[in-house]
Every structure is written in C-alpha cells, then in structure tokens.
Amino acid sequence: MTSLKDKVALITGSSRGIGAEIAMTFALAGAKVVINYSGNKQAADKVVADITNTGGVAIAIKADVSSSAQVEALFESAISHFGKLNILVNNAGSIIYKTIENTTDEDFDRIFSINVKGTFNTLRQAASRLEDGGRVINFSSTTTRLLMPTYGAYCATKGAVEQLTRVFSKEVGQRNITVNSVSPGPTNTELF
C-alpha cells in the first residue's frame, strides 16, 4: 500500500468487520485513524488498542451516521483532534434479508437511514471539511448487479450510494478530491 504518512482517515462503521480491517491497514500505512462506531464502544476501543499496539495512532468517536447533527459533531471532533481530514471511508451499513413483499416500512426506513442518509450526511460534511487532494471511498455491493431475492431494500440503498458517489465526484473534483465506490462480494463478517 502507498504510504499514508501524515494523512488522517475517518472510517465509518469501523469498530468491526471490513471497517476495522481498513482502519488497521490504513494505520499500518502511516495514517492517523478515526474509528467511528454507533453502539459498541468496547469493540471500537479494541480496534484503537490494536492500532496503537502496532505503533499507530487512532481515536474512537461515537456517532450515528443517520443523524446529521451527530455526523457534524463527528467531523468537528476528528478535525479538532487531528487538525485535518484527508480520507473518508463510508463503510457503515446495515442489511436485511426479506422479500420486497415482506419488507416493512420500518425495515425500509432503517436501512435507507443508515446506508443512504448516512453516506449523504458524511458527504455533506466532507464537501467543506475534507482537505484538497483528499479521497472518498463509499461502500456499495456486488448485490446491485447480482439481483438476489431478499436483497431488494439493500440493493436499492447501494444503488443510491453509487449515484451519490458519481454526483459528489463532480461536485468536489475541482479540488482534486477523488470519490469512488467499491463493491465487495460476500465477506465473512457479522453483516453476512
């Protein structure tokens, strides 16, 4: 991996799974890392400890990405602590396994609130707070192309994330900020 020395990365949903692995990888490459979590402080603190035990620098900040006020506070805390923000990874997400017929309004609202509104909230903050030349990585999924039964609501959220990625790249491109999405397949984490 390219050196991330002197870079500061904020990774949403990084107290476990793919997010925790990204945080460790970035820290090993020299980045200072902000571990974002919404509920499991113990897991977030473990990721911070794992990073600091390898000589890295990390802090944990609690914020529910579906709340614009909490996301604003997350960015303020991260920048207050490290002085800047160079990289945003939108990894926080949720999934449900229900047919479209059996997906309730509450299911739909919850998954869109985390997966889409959460990404939207962080992009809105990144628009003015990410350093020029920064990087944004949004998580989509291969399920948007595989079209598997019981993934309807989840696929819809990830399709929305892909469109937000495309639009945001046009909005911040003049500042040499790159915005991309990655679409992992099934990964052995608590989510799957």
C-alpha atoms as a PDB file:
ATOM      1  CA  MET A   1       0.000   0.000   0.000  1.00  0.00           C
ATOM      2  CA  THR A   2       1.079   3.559  -0.670  1.00  0.00           C
ATOM      3  CA  SER A   3       2.327   5.428   2.371  1.00  0.00           C
ATOM      4  CA  LEU A   4      -0.390   7.330   4.186  1.00  0.00           C
ATOM      5  CA  LYS A   5       2.061   9.144   6.443  1.00  0.00           C
ATOM      6  CA  ASP A   6       0.648  12.474   7.651  1.00  0.00           C
ATOM      7  CA  LYS A   7      -2.845  11.574   6.392  1.00  0.00           C
ATOM      8  CA  VAL A   8      -5.930  11.445   8.602  1.00  0.00           C
ATOM      9  CA  ALA A   9      -8.660   8.941   7.749  1.00  0.00           C
ATOM     10  CA  LEU A  10     -12.209   8.754   9.078  1.00  0.00           C
ATOM     11  CA  ILE A  11     -13.821   5.351   8.609  1.00  0.00           C
ATOM     12  CA  THR A  12     -17.492   4.992   9.458  1.00  0.00           C
ATOM     13  CA  GLY A  13     -18.625   1.718  10.962  1.00  0.00           C
ATOM     14  CA  SER A  14     -15.065   0.730  11.770  1.00  0.00           C
ATOM     15  CA  SER A  15     -15.462  -0.997  15.120  1.00  0.00           C
ATOM     16  CA  ARG A  16     -15.708  -4.398  13.411  1.00  0.00           C
ATOM     17  CA  GLY A  17     -15.654  -6.268  10.131  1.00  0.00           C
ATOM     18  CA  ILE A  18     -14.382  -4.660   6.949  1.00  0.00           C
ATOM     19  CA  GLY A  19     -14.184  -1.234   8.591  1.00  0.00           C
ATOM     20  CA  ALA A  20     -11.876  -2.481  11.349  1.00  0.00           C
ATOM     21  CA  GLU A  21      -9.613  -4.128   8.765  1.00  0.00           C
ATOM     22  CA  ILE A  22      -9.472  -0.934   6.708  1.00  0.00           C
ATOM     23  CA  ALA A  23      -8.601   1.043   9.835  1.00  0.00           C
ATOM     24  CA  MET A  24      -5.741  -1.307  10.712  1.00  0.00           C
ATOM     25  CA  THR A  25      -4.445  -1.336   7.125  1.00  0.00           C
ATOM     26  CA  PHE A  26      -4.504   2.461   6.910  1.00  0.00           C
ATOM     27  CA  ALA A  27      -2.773   2.767  10.292  1.00  0.00           C
ATOM     28  CA  LEU A  28      -0.051   0.325   9.249  1.00  0.00           C
ATOM     29  CA  ALA A  29       0.478   2.519   6.166  1.00  0.00           C
ATOM     30  CA  GLY A  30       1.001   5.542   8.434  1.00  0.00           C
ATOM     31  CA  ALA A  31      -2.423   7.193   8.618  1.00  0.00           C
ATOM     32  CA  LYS A  32      -3.932   8.549  11.790  1.00  0.00           C
ATOM     33  CA  VAL A  33      -7.328   6.888  12.024  1.00  0.00           C
ATOM     34  CA  VAL A  34     -10.715   7.895  13.397  1.00  0.00           C
ATOM     35  CA  ILE A  35     -12.719   4.821  14.375  1.00  0.00           C
ATOM     36  CA  ASN A  36     -16.419   5.622  14.120  1.00  0.00           C
ATOM     37  CA  TYR A  37     -18.973   3.469  15.903  1.00  0.00           C
ATOM     38  CA  SER A  38     -22.626   3.854  16.791  1.00  0.00           C
ATOM     39  CA  GLY A  39     -23.162   1.385  19.600  1.00  0.00           C
ATOM     40  CA  ASN A  40     -20.300  -0.884  20.588  1.00  0.00           C
ATOM     41  CA  LYS A  41     -17.717   1.242  22.404  1.00  0.00           C
ATOM     42  CA  GLN A  42     -15.864  -1.852  23.618  1.00  0.00           C
ATOM     43  CA  ALA A  43     -15.324  -3.076  20.048  1.00  0.00           C
ATOM     44  CA  ALA A  44     -14.208   0.397  18.925  1.00  0.00           C
ATOM     45  CA  ASP A  45     -11.787   0.662  21.843  1.00  0.00           C
ATOM     46  CA  LYS A  46     -10.344  -2.741  20.900  1.00  0.00           C
ATOM     47  CA  VAL A  47      -9.651  -1.546  17.341  1.00  0.00           C
ATOM     48  CA  VAL A  48      -7.971   1.581  18.742  1.00  0.00           C
ATOM     49  CA  ALA A  49      -5.879  -0.591  21.097  1.00  0.00           C
ATOM     50  CA  ASP A  50      -4.909  -2.958  18.265  1.00  0.00           C
ATOM     51  CA  ILE A  51      -3.760   0.015  16.190  1.00  0.00           C
ATOM     52  CA  THR A  52      -1.845   1.712  18.990  1.00  0.00           C
ATOM     53  CA  ASN A  53      -0.219  -1.610  19.947  1.00  0.00           C
ATOM     54  CA  THR A  54       1.328  -1.708  16.461  1.00  0.00           C
ATOM     55  CA  GLY A  55       2.629   1.854  16.811  1.00  0.00           C
ATOM     56  CA  GLY A  56      -0.272   3.525  15.041  1.00  0.00           C
ATOM     57  CA  VAL A  57      -2.433   6.443  16.089  1.00  0.00           C
ATOM     58  CA  ALA A  58      -6.206   6.140  16.418  1.00  0.00           C
ATOM     59  CA  ILE A  59      -9.161   7.511  18.339  1.00  0.00           C
ATOM     60  CA  ALA A  60     -12.755   6.298  18.605  1.00  0.00           C
ATOM     61  CA  ILE A  61     -15.703   8.655  18.183  1.00  0.00           C
ATOM     62  CA  LYS A  62     -19.323   7.642  18.649  1.00  0.00           C
ATOM     63  CA  ALA A  63     -21.792   8.915  16.060  1.00  0.00           C
ATOM     64  CA  ASP A  64     -24.888   7.543  14.382  1.00  0.00           C
ATOM     65  CA  VAL A  65     -24.322   8.361  10.707  1.00  0.00           C
ATOM     66  CA  SER A  66     -28.063   8.638  10.097  1.00  0.00           C
ATOM     67  CA  SER A  67     -28.098  11.761  12.302  1.00  0.00           C
ATOM     68  CA  SER A  68     -26.842  14.886  10.549  1.00  0.00           C
ATOM     69  CA  ALA A  69     -26.107  16.546  13.914  1.00  0.00           C
ATOM     70  CA  GLN A  70     -24.039  13.581  15.102  1.00  0.00           C
ATOM     71  CA  VAL A  71     -22.135  13.442  11.802  1.00  0.00           C
ATOM     72  CA  GLU A  72     -21.370  17.148  12.054  1.00  0.00           C
ATOM     73  CA  ALA A  73     -20.064  16.569  15.601  1.00  0.00           C
ATOM     74  CA  LEU A  74     -18.053  13.564  14.358  1.00  0.00           C
ATOM     75  CA  PHE A  75     -16.260  15.695  11.769  1.00  0.00           C
ATOM     76  CA  GLU A  76     -15.728  18.530  14.245  1.00  0.00           C
ATOM     77  CA  SER A  77     -14.221  16.142  16.818  1.00  0.00           C
ATOM     78  CA  ALA A  78     -11.980  14.412  14.281  1.00  0.00           C
ATOM     79  CA  ILE A  79     -10.625  17.678  12.882  1.00  0.00           C
ATOM     80  CA  SER A  80     -10.285  19.215  16.335  1.00  0.00           C
ATOM     81  CA  HIS A  81      -8.197  16.234  17.440  1.00  0.00           C
ATOM     82  CA  PHE A  82      -6.016  15.754  14.340  1.00  0.00           C
ATOM     83  CA  GLY A  83      -6.169  19.193  12.702  1.00  0.00           C
ATOM     84  CA  LYS A  84      -7.381  17.982   9.318  1.00  0.00           C
ATOM     85  CA  LEU A  85      -9.124  15.208   7.412  1.00  0.00           C
ATOM     86  CA  ASN A  86      -7.752  13.684   4.206  1.00  0.00           C
ATOM     87  CA  ILE A  87      -9.682  10.453   3.716  1.00  0.00           C
ATOM     88  CA  LEU A  88     -13.315   9.479   4.275  1.00  0.00           C
ATOM     89  CA  VAL A  89     -14.419   5.860   4.019  1.00  0.00           C
ATOM     90  CA  ASN A  90     -18.184   5.358   4.152  1.00  0.00           C
ATOM     91  CA  ASN A  91     -18.302   1.800   5.408  1.00  0.00           C
ATOM     92  CA  ALA A  92     -21.163   1.916   7.951  1.00  0.00           C
ATOM     93  CA  GLY A  93     -24.077  -0.149   6.776  1.00  0.00           C
ATOM     94  CA  SER A  94     -26.928  -2.445   7.582  1.00  0.00           C
ATOM     95  CA  ILE A  95     -28.678  -5.252   5.744  1.00  0.00           C
ATOM     96  CA  ILE A  96     -31.996  -7.046   5.896  1.00  0.00           C
ATOM     97  CA  TYR A  97     -32.902 -10.318   4.231  1.00  0.00           C
ATOM     98  CA  LYS A  98     -36.565 -10.036   3.305  1.00  0.00           C
ATOM     99  CA  THR A  99     -38.534 -10.217   0.114  1.00  0.00           C
ATOM    100  CA  ILE A 100     -39.873  -6.902  -1.081  1.00  0.00           C
ATOM    101  CA  GLU A 101     -43.367  -8.099  -0.164  1.00  0.00           C
ATOM    102  CA  ASN A 102     -42.302  -8.773   3.439  1.00  0.00           C
ATOM    103  CA  THR A 103     -40.170  -5.644   3.934  1.00  0.00           C
ATOM    104  CA  THR A 104     -41.961  -3.319   6.341  1.00  0.00           C
ATOM    105  CA  ASP A 105     -41.910   0.459   6.209  1.00  0.00           C
ATOM    106  CA  GLU A 106     -39.776   0.366   9.363  1.00  0.00           C
ATOM    107  CA  ASP A 107     -37.281  -2.028   7.717  1.00  0.00           C
ATOM    108  CA  PHE A 108     -37.093   0.182   4.638  1.00  0.00           C
ATOM    109  CA  ASP A 109     -36.682   3.405   6.622  1.00  0.00           C
ATOM    110  CA  ARG A 110     -33.992   1.916   8.890  1.00  0.00           C
ATOM    111  CA  ILE A 111     -31.796   0.546   6.103  1.00  0.00           C
ATOM    112  CA  PHE A 112     -32.117   3.714   3.997  1.00  0.00           C
ATOM    113  CA  SER A 113     -31.400   5.855   7.040  1.00  0.00           C
ATOM    114  CA  ILE A 114     -28.080   4.119   7.683  1.00  0.00           C
ATOM    115  CA  ASN A 115     -26.900   3.167   4.201  1.00  0.00           C
ATOM    116  CA  VAL A 116     -28.055   6.166   2.163  1.00  0.00           C
ATOM    117  CA  LYS A 117     -28.709   9.030   4.564  1.00  0.00           C
ATOM    118  CA  GLY A 118     -25.554   8.100   6.483  1.00  0.00           C
ATOM    119  CA  THR A 119     -23.471   8.362   3.326  1.00  0.00           C
ATOM    120  CA  PHE A 120     -25.255  11.575   2.344  1.00  0.00           C
ATOM    121  CA  ASN A 121     -24.603  13.110   5.774  1.00  0.00           C
ATOM    122  CA  THR A 122     -20.875  12.373   5.662  1.00  0.00           C
ATOM    123  CA  LEU A 123     -20.526  13.605   2.084  1.00  0.00           C
ATOM    124  CA  ARG A 124     -22.249  16.841   3.030  1.00  0.00           C
ATOM    125  CA  GLN A 125     -19.669  17.403   5.785  1.00  0.00           C
ATOM    126  CA  ALA A 126     -16.765  16.258   3.604  1.00  0.00           C
ATOM    127  CA  ALA A 127     -17.694  18.822   0.946  1.00  0.00           C
ATOM    128  CA  SER A 128     -16.280  21.652   3.037  1.00  0.00           C
ATOM    129  CA  ARG A 129     -14.065  19.848   5.543  1.00  0.00           C
ATOM    130  CA  LEU A 130     -12.007  17.374   3.530  1.00  0.00           C
ATOM    131  CA  GLU A 131      -8.576  18.665   2.544  1.00  0.00           C
ATOM    132  CA  ASP A 132      -7.907  19.431  -1.128  1.00  0.00           C
ATOM    133  CA  GLY A 133      -6.496  16.331  -2.793  1.00  0.00           C
ATOM    134  CA  GLY A 134      -8.493  14.140  -0.419  1.00  0.00           C
ATOM    135  CA  ARG A 135     -10.074  10.773  -1.034  1.00  0.00           C
ATOM    136  CA  VAL A 136     -13.604   9.479  -0.507  1.00  0.00           C
ATOM    137  CA  ILE A 137     -14.395   5.776  -0.697  1.00  0.00           C
ATOM    138  CA  ASN A 138     -18.050   4.752  -0.495  1.00  0.00           C
ATOM    139  CA  PHE A 139     -19.111   1.160   0.004  1.00  0.00           C
ATOM    140  CA  SER A 140     -21.575  -0.334  -2.442  1.00  0.00           C
ATOM    141  CA  SER A 141     -22.043  -4.061  -3.050  1.00  0.00           C
ATOM    142  CA  THR A 142     -21.978  -6.649  -5.814  1.00  0.00           C
ATOM    143  CA  THR A 143     -25.602  -7.336  -4.902  1.00  0.00           C
ATOM    144  CA  THR A 144     -26.586  -4.348  -7.060  1.00  0.00           C
ATOM    145  CA  ARG A 145     -25.649  -6.483 -10.061  1.00  0.00           C
ATOM    146  CA  LEU A 146     -26.470  -9.968  -8.782  1.00  0.00           C
ATOM    147  CA  LEU A 147     -30.116  -9.090  -8.051  1.00  0.00           C
ATOM    148  CA  MET A 148     -30.679 -11.816  -5.473  1.00  0.00           C
ATOM    149  CA  PRO A 149     -34.065 -12.481  -3.843  1.00  0.00           C
ATOM    150  CA  THR A 150     -34.441 -10.991  -0.327  1.00  0.00           C
ATOM    151  CA  TYR A 151     -31.874  -8.257  -1.077  1.00  0.00           C
ATOM    152  CA  GLY A 152     -34.309  -5.727  -2.590  1.00  0.00           C
ATOM    153  CA  ALA A 153     -34.066  -2.956   0.003  1.00  0.00           C
ATOM    154  CA  TYR A 154     -30.321  -3.471   0.477  1.00  0.00           C
ATOM    155  CA  CYS A 155     -29.681  -3.357  -3.298  1.00  0.00           C
ATOM    156  CA  ALA A 156     -31.723  -0.173  -3.567  1.00  0.00           C
ATOM    157  CA  THR A 157     -29.609   1.512  -0.893  1.00  0.00           C
ATOM    158  CA  LYS A 158     -26.365   0.532  -2.561  1.00  0.00           C
ATOM    159  CA  GLY A 159     -27.619   1.726  -5.948  1.00  0.00           C
ATOM    160  CA  ALA A 160     -28.343   5.085  -4.322  1.00  0.00           C
ATOM    161  CA  VAL A 161     -24.828   5.159  -2.842  1.00  0.00           C
ATOM    162  CA  GLU A 162     -23.365   4.598  -6.315  1.00  0.00           C
ATOM    163  CA  GLN A 163     -25.305   7.578  -7.677  1.00  0.00           C
ATOM    164  CA  LEU A 164     -24.276   9.800  -4.752  1.00  0.00           C
ATOM    165  CA  THR A 165     -20.684   8.779  -5.493  1.00  0.00           C
ATOM    166  CA  ARG A 166     -20.947   9.834  -9.135  1.00  0.00           C
ATOM    167  CA  VAL A 167     -22.568  13.186  -8.361  1.00  0.00           C
ATOM    168  CA  PHE A 168     -20.264  14.038  -5.443  1.00  0.00           C
ATOM    169  CA  SER A 169     -17.196  13.319  -7.588  1.00  0.00           C
ATOM    170  CA  LYS A 170     -18.363  16.073  -9.962  1.00  0.00           C
ATOM    171  CA  GLU A 171     -19.016  18.469  -7.082  1.00  0.00           C
ATOM    172  CA  VAL A 172     -15.579  18.182  -5.446  1.00  0.00           C
ATOM    173  CA  GLY A 173     -13.418  17.147  -8.397  1.00  0.00           C
ATOM    174  CA  GLN A 174     -12.127  20.687  -8.975  1.00  0.00           C
ATOM    175  CA  ARG A 175     -10.391  20.376  -5.574  1.00  0.00           C
ATOM    176  CA  ASN A 176      -8.599  17.210  -6.719  1.00  0.00           C
ATOM    177  CA  ILE A 177     -10.702  15.111  -4.355  1.00  0.00           C
ATOM    178  CA  THR A 178     -11.381  11.687  -5.802  1.00  0.00           C
ATOM    179  CA  VAL A 179     -14.648   9.944  -4.996  1.00  0.00           C
ATOM    180  CA  ASN A 180     -15.073   6.259  -5.729  1.00  0.00           C
ATOM    181  CA  SER A 181     -17.190   3.347  -4.647  1.00  0.00           C
ATOM    182  CA  VAL A 182     -16.064  -0.199  -4.032  1.00  0.00           C
ATOM    183  CA  SER A 183     -18.367  -3.191  -4.329  1.00  0.00           C
ATOM    184  CA  PRO A 184     -17.188  -6.145  -2.287  1.00  0.00           C
ATOM    185  CA  GLY A 185     -18.829  -9.500  -2.683  1.00  0.00           C
ATOM    186  CA  PRO A 186     -19.884 -11.641   0.252  1.00  0.00           C
ATOM    187  CA  THR A 187     -17.319 -11.216   3.015  1.00  0.00           C
ATOM    188  CA  ASN A 188     -17.118 -13.301   6.171  1.00  0.00           C
ATOM    189  CA  THR A 189     -18.185 -10.628   8.688  1.00  0.00           C
ATOM    190  CA  GLU A 190     -21.024 -10.218  11.182  1.00  0.00           C
ATOM    191  CA  LEU A 191     -23.042  -8.466   8.444  1.00  0.00           C
ATOM    192  CA  PHE A 192     -23.187 -11.620   6.334  1.00  0.00           C
END
